[in-house]
Amino acid sequence: MALVVEDGSGLSNSESYISVADATTYHSVRGNTDWAALASDTVREQLLRKANDYLKAQYRLAWAGARKTTTQALDWPRVWVPVPDLSTRYIGSYYPAGYFPNDEIPPEVKAAAAILALIANAGPLMPDIARTVKSESVGPISVTYADNGPRQYPLYTLVDNLLVSWLDGQGNGLVLRG
């Protein structure tokens, strides 16, 4: 099934913020040869869907603004999203009242999807969380789990830093880890 890419209109069936072709360009110009080495575009589409699943699960309640429509499949496009650092970041672009256009997807969101898709090739982006082992013995086999030990989520620092400007700055935009 062909990947349905969000075009900024708030599609009810979109599955990704970025196309296979655009993700391929993103990785190519950065020398990420692992993307080109994938078996097929079908595999790339599957990985982009997994990346989108992660973006929805991790950031759904953290994005600034509001979804453009109640029927759209993805979190973007959005309305009332302030343009971050308007004075330096988007010099030469015109954004009325300092809000990001409600018919576009920020380039950082597309880049995050491309990055996460490549990472997803190595395994689950949100693996099940195991309890922290406090002690372990080999014979006669004994395991003790840490009381209230920290959960071990994978951290995708580049993705978090790319997206932080598009998150709600009122406390709802915190990406809680650990």
Foldseek 3Di string as FASTA:
>chain_A
DAAAAQQQPQALDHQAPDALVVLCVLCVVVVVCLSVPDPDSVLLSVLLNLLQVCCCVQCVQWFPAADPDPRGPHGDDGPPFAAPPVPPDDPPDDDVPRHDDSRHDDPLRNSSSSVSSSVCVVHHQFDDWDFAWPDFDDVVTDTDGDDVDFTDHDDDPSSCVSCQSRTDPPPSNDRDDD
